[in-house]
Amino acid sequence: MKNKRFYLIGLTVAVVLAGFLSFYASSSPDGLEKVAIDLGFIDTAKESAVADSALADYGVAGVENERLSVGLAGILGVIATGAIMMIIMRLIGRKKD
């Protein structure tokens, strides 16, 4: 029971941070983009193969409200990461006969 409570609190904190506070994150370029700008080769960058995907560019495609789009993308990211983590942990935790 203690573990479930701990995980639920952690999940709640992650969803709040990703869903509500992510909109206030810096809009400055990330580290790799900043280096490309500083060294002058940003113009040679190509679009990512997934640039047109549903969660590209820190938002959800089709959601016009930027704040909602970024928040939903953050929440979906937390859920996806949590699901992958749970699958891995269950696979690791299986006992061999």
N, C-alpha and C. Protein backbone atom coordinates (compact mmCIF):
# COMPACT_ATOMS: atom_id res chain seq x y z
N MET A 1 0.83 -1.20 0.00
CA MET A 1 0.00 0.00 0.00
C MET A 1 0.86 1.26 0.00
N LYS A 2 1.97 1.22 0.76
CA LYS A 2 2.86 2.38 0.81
C LYS A 2 3.42 2.70 -0.57
N ASN A 3 3.81 1.64 -1.31
CA ASN A 3 4.38 1.84 -2.64
C ASN A 3 3.37 2.46 -3.59
N LYS A 4 2.13 2.02 -3.55
CA LYS A 4 1.09 2.58 -4.43
C LYS A 4 0.91 4.07 -4.15
N ARG A 5 0.88 4.41 -2.88
CA ARG A 5 0.71 5.83 -2.51
C ARG A 5 1.90 6.65 -3.01
N PHE A 6 3.09 6.13 -2.84
CA PHE A 6 4.30 6.81 -3.29
C PHE A 6 4.26 7.03 -4.80
N TYR A 7 3.87 5.97 -5.55
CA TYR A 7 3.80 6.08 -7.01
C TYR A 7 2.71 7.06 -7.45
N LEU A 8 1.58 7.05 -6.78
CA LEU A 8 0.50 7.97 -7.14
C LEU A 8 0.89 9.42 -6.88
N ILE A 9 1.58 9.66 -5.78
CA ILE A 9 2.04 11.02 -5.49
C ILE A 9 3.07 11.44 -6.54
N GLY A 10 4.00 10.55 -6.87
CA GLY A 10 4.99 10.86 -7.90
C GLY A 10 4.35 11.13 -9.25
N LEU A 11 3.37 10.32 -9.62
CA LEU A 11 2.66 10.51 -10.88
C LEU A 11 1.91 11.84 -10.89
N THR A 12 1.28 12.17 -9.79
CA THR A 12 0.54 13.43 -9.69
C THR A 12 1.48 14.63 -9.83
N VAL A 13 2.60 14.58 -9.16
CA VAL A 13 3.58 15.67 -9.26
C VAL A 13 4.09 15.79 -10.69
N ALA A 14 4.39 14.67 -11.34
CA ALA A 14 4.89 14.69 -12.71
C ALA A 14 3.85 15.26 -13.66
N VAL A 15 2.58 14.87 -13.49
CA VAL A 15 1.52 15.38 -14.36
C VAL A 15 1.33 16.88 -14.16
N VAL A 16 1.37 17.34 -12.92
CA VAL A 16 1.23 18.78 -12.65
C VAL A 16 2.38 19.55 -13.28
N LEU A 17 3.60 19.07 -13.08
CA LEU A 17 4.75 19.75 -13.66
C LEU A 17 4.69 19.76 -15.18
N ALA A 18 4.41 18.61 -15.77
CA ALA A 18 4.39 18.50 -17.23
C ALA A 18 3.17 19.18 -17.83
N GLY A 19 2.04 19.07 -17.18
CA GLY A 19 0.80 19.59 -17.75
C GLY A 19 0.56 21.06 -17.53
N PHE A 20 0.99 21.57 -16.39
CA PHE A 20 0.66 22.95 -16.06
C PHE A 20 1.86 23.89 -16.06
N LEU A 21 3.00 23.41 -15.64
CA LEU A 21 4.16 24.29 -15.55
C LEU A 21 5.01 24.28 -16.82
N SER A 22 4.82 23.29 -17.68
CA SER A 22 5.64 23.19 -18.89
C SER A 22 5.44 24.38 -19.83
N PHE A 23 4.28 25.00 -19.78
CA PHE A 23 4.03 26.16 -20.64
C PHE A 23 4.98 27.31 -20.31
N TYR A 24 5.43 27.36 -19.07
CA TYR A 24 6.30 28.46 -18.64
C TYR A 24 7.78 28.17 -18.83
N ALA A 25 8.10 27.04 -19.45
CA ALA A 25 9.50 26.70 -19.71
C ALA A 25 10.10 27.71 -20.69
N SER A 26 11.39 27.81 -20.69
CA SER A 26 12.09 28.75 -21.55
C SER A 26 11.82 28.47 -23.02
N SER A 27 11.62 29.52 -23.78
CA SER A 27 11.43 29.37 -25.22
C SER A 27 12.76 29.53 -25.96
N SER A 28 13.84 29.68 -25.21
CA SER A 28 15.16 29.78 -25.81
C SER A 28 15.53 28.45 -26.46
N PRO A 29 16.41 28.48 -27.46
CA PRO A 29 16.82 27.23 -28.11
C PRO A 29 17.48 26.27 -27.12
N ASP A 30 17.32 24.97 -27.37
CA ASP A 30 17.98 24.00 -26.50
C ASP A 30 19.48 24.01 -26.77
N GLY A 31 20.22 23.20 -26.02
CA GLY A 31 21.69 23.22 -26.09
C GLY A 31 22.25 22.97 -27.48
N LEU A 32 21.76 21.94 -28.16
CA LEU A 32 22.30 21.63 -29.49
C LEU A 32 21.96 22.73 -30.49
N GLU A 33 20.76 23.25 -30.41
CA GLU A 33 20.37 24.33 -31.32
C GLU A 33 21.19 25.59 -31.05
N LYS A 34 21.45 25.87 -29.78
CA LYS A 34 22.25 27.04 -29.41
C LYS A 34 23.66 26.93 -29.95
N VAL A 35 24.26 25.75 -29.86
CA VAL A 35 25.60 25.54 -30.41
C VAL A 35 25.59 25.74 -31.92
N ALA A 36 24.57 25.22 -32.59
CA ALA A 36 24.47 25.38 -34.04
C ALA A 36 24.34 26.85 -34.42
N ILE A 37 23.62 27.62 -33.64
CA ILE A 37 23.50 29.07 -33.89
C ILE A 37 24.84 29.75 -33.65
N ASP A 38 25.47 29.44 -32.51
CA ASP A 38 26.75 30.08 -32.15
C ASP A 38 27.85 29.76 -33.16
N LEU A 39 27.87 28.54 -33.67
CA LEU A 39 28.92 28.14 -34.61
C LEU A 39 28.55 28.41 -36.07
N GLY A 40 27.33 28.88 -36.29
CA GLY A 40 26.93 29.33 -37.61
C GLY A 40 26.49 28.27 -38.61
N PHE A 41 26.10 27.09 -38.13
CA PHE A 41 25.64 26.10 -39.09
C PHE A 41 24.16 25.73 -38.91
N ILE A 42 23.41 26.60 -38.25
CA ILE A 42 21.98 26.34 -38.04
C ILE A 42 21.21 26.30 -39.36
N ASP A 43 21.70 27.04 -40.38
CA ASP A 43 21.01 27.07 -41.67
C ASP A 43 21.10 25.75 -42.43
N THR A 44 22.01 24.87 -42.03
CA THR A 44 22.14 23.58 -42.71
C THR A 44 21.25 22.51 -42.07
N ALA A 45 20.53 22.88 -41.01
CA ALA A 45 19.66 21.91 -40.32
C ALA A 45 18.52 21.46 -41.23
N LYS A 46 18.17 20.20 -41.10
CA LYS A 46 17.07 19.63 -41.88
C LYS A 46 15.92 19.31 -40.94
N GLU A 47 14.71 19.29 -41.49
CA GLU A 47 13.55 18.92 -40.70
C GLU A 47 13.66 17.47 -40.24
N SER A 48 13.19 17.21 -39.07
CA SER A 48 13.17 15.86 -38.55
C SER A 48 12.19 15.00 -39.35
N ALA A 49 12.45 13.72 -39.38
CA ALA A 49 11.55 12.79 -40.08
C ALA A 49 10.18 12.74 -39.41
N VAL A 50 10.11 13.14 -38.15
CA VAL A 50 8.83 13.12 -37.42
C VAL A 50 8.29 14.53 -37.16
N ALA A 51 8.73 15.49 -37.95
CA ALA A 51 8.33 16.88 -37.75
C ALA A 51 6.82 17.09 -37.91
N ASP A 52 6.16 16.21 -38.65
CA ASP A 52 4.72 16.35 -38.86
C ASP A 52 3.91 15.41 -37.98
N SER A 53 4.55 14.80 -36.98
CA SER A 53 3.84 13.86 -36.12
C SER A 53 2.92 14.59 -35.15
N ALA A 54 2.09 13.83 -34.48
CA ALA A 54 1.08 14.40 -33.59
C ALA A 54 1.67 15.16 -32.40
N LEU A 55 2.87 14.81 -31.95
CA LEU A 55 3.45 15.46 -30.78
C LEU A 55 4.74 16.23 -31.11
N ALA A 56 4.89 16.64 -32.34
CA ALA A 56 6.10 17.36 -32.75
C ALA A 56 6.13 18.77 -32.16
N ASP A 57 7.32 19.25 -31.93
CA ASP A 57 7.55 20.64 -31.50
C ASP A 57 6.88 20.99 -30.17
N TYR A 58 6.92 20.05 -29.22
CA TYR A 58 6.43 20.27 -27.87
C TYR A 58 4.96 20.66 -27.81
N GLY A 59 4.14 20.10 -28.68
CA GLY A 59 2.72 20.39 -28.66
C GLY A 59 1.94 19.25 -29.28
N VAL A 60 0.62 19.36 -29.23
CA VAL A 60 -0.27 18.36 -29.81
C VAL A 60 -0.86 18.94 -31.09
N ALA A 61 -0.66 18.25 -32.19
CA ALA A 61 -1.17 18.71 -33.48
C ALA A 61 -2.69 18.82 -33.43
N GLY A 62 -3.21 19.89 -34.01
CA GLY A 62 -4.65 20.08 -34.09
C GLY A 62 -5.24 20.85 -32.93
N VAL A 63 -4.48 21.06 -31.86
CA VAL A 63 -4.98 21.84 -30.72
C VAL A 63 -4.50 23.28 -30.91
N GLU A 64 -5.45 24.17 -31.15
CA GLU A 64 -5.10 25.56 -31.48
C GLU A 64 -4.58 26.36 -30.28
N ASN A 65 -5.11 26.10 -29.10
CA ASN A 65 -4.69 26.83 -27.91
C ASN A 65 -3.30 26.36 -27.51
N GLU A 66 -2.30 27.25 -27.60
CA GLU A 66 -0.91 26.86 -27.35
C GLU A 66 -0.70 26.33 -25.94
N ARG A 67 -1.29 26.97 -24.96
CA ARG A 67 -1.13 26.55 -23.57
C ARG A 67 -1.68 25.13 -23.38
N LEU A 68 -2.86 24.86 -23.92
CA LEU A 68 -3.46 23.54 -23.83
C LEU A 68 -2.65 22.51 -24.61
N SER A 69 -2.17 22.88 -25.78
CA SER A 69 -1.39 21.97 -26.62
C SER A 69 -0.11 21.53 -25.93
N VAL A 70 0.61 22.46 -25.34
CA VAL A 70 1.87 22.15 -24.64
C VAL A 70 1.58 21.31 -23.39
N GLY A 71 0.54 21.67 -22.66
CA GLY A 71 0.17 20.92 -21.46
C GLY A 71 -0.21 19.48 -21.78
N LEU A 72 -1.02 19.29 -22.81
CA LEU A 72 -1.43 17.94 -23.21
C LEU A 72 -0.22 17.12 -23.65
N ALA A 73 0.68 17.73 -24.39
CA ALA A 73 1.88 17.02 -24.82
C ALA A 73 2.70 16.58 -23.61
N GLY A 74 2.81 17.43 -22.62
CA GLY A 74 3.54 17.08 -21.40
C GLY A 74 2.88 15.93 -20.66
N ILE A 75 1.57 15.98 -20.53
CA ILE A 75 0.83 14.92 -19.83
C ILE A 75 0.95 13.60 -20.59
N LEU A 76 0.80 13.65 -21.91
CA LEU A 76 0.94 12.43 -22.72
C LEU A 76 2.36 11.85 -22.61
N GLY A 77 3.35 12.73 -22.54
CA GLY A 77 4.73 12.28 -22.36
C GLY A 77 4.93 11.57 -21.03
N VAL A 78 4.35 12.11 -19.98
CA VAL A 78 4.45 11.48 -18.65
C VAL A 78 3.78 10.11 -18.67
N ILE A 79 2.60 10.04 -19.27
CA ILE A 79 1.87 8.77 -19.32
C ILE A 79 2.65 7.73 -20.13
N ALA A 80 3.18 8.14 -21.28
CA ALA A 80 3.93 7.20 -22.13
C ALA A 80 5.20 6.73 -21.42
N THR A 81 5.91 7.65 -20.81
CA THR A 81 7.14 7.29 -20.09
C THR A 81 6.82 6.36 -18.92
N GLY A 82 5.76 6.67 -18.18
CA GLY A 82 5.36 5.82 -17.06
C GLY A 82 4.96 4.43 -17.51
N ALA A 83 4.23 4.33 -18.63
CA ALA A 83 3.80 3.03 -19.13
C ALA A 83 5.00 2.19 -19.56
N ILE A 84 5.94 2.82 -20.27
CA ILE A 84 7.14 2.11 -20.69
C ILE A 84 7.94 1.64 -19.47
N MET A 85 8.05 2.51 -18.47
CA MET A 85 8.78 2.16 -17.25
C MET A 85 8.12 0.98 -16.54
N MET A 86 6.80 0.97 -16.47
CA MET A 86 6.10 -0.13 -15.80
C MET A 86 6.30 -1.44 -16.55
N ILE A 87 6.26 -1.40 -17.87
CA ILE A 87 6.48 -2.61 -18.67
C ILE A 87 7.88 -3.16 -18.43
N ILE A 88 8.87 -2.27 -18.47
CA ILE A 88 10.26 -2.70 -18.23
C ILE A 88 10.42 -3.27 -16.83
N MET A 89 9.84 -2.62 -15.85
CA MET A 89 9.97 -3.09 -14.47
C MET A 89 9.29 -4.45 -14.28
N ARG A 90 8.18 -4.67 -14.94
CA ARG A 90 7.50 -5.98 -14.84
C ARG A 90 8.33 -7.06 -15.52
N LEU A 91 8.94 -6.73 -16.64
CA LEU A 91 9.78 -7.71 -17.32
C LEU A 91 11.01 -8.05 -16.49
N ILE A 92 11.61 -7.03 -15.88
CA ILE A 92 12.78 -7.25 -15.05
C ILE A 92 12.41 -8.01 -13.77
N GLY A 93 11.23 -7.71 -13.23
CA GLY A 93 10.82 -8.29 -11.97
C GLY A 93 10.33 -9.72 -12.04
N ARG A 94 10.11 -10.21 -13.24
CA ARG A 94 9.66 -11.61 -13.38
C ARG A 94 10.73 -12.56 -12.85
N LYS A 95 10.27 -13.51 -12.10
CA LYS A 95 11.20 -14.51 -11.56
C LYS A 95 11.33 -15.65 -12.54
N LYS A 96 12.55 -16.09 -12.73
CA LYS A 96 12.80 -17.23 -13.62
C LYS A 96 12.59 -18.53 -12.84
N ASP A 97 11.94 -19.47 -13.48
CA ASP A 97 11.68 -20.76 -12.83
C ASP A 97 12.83 -21.70 -12.99
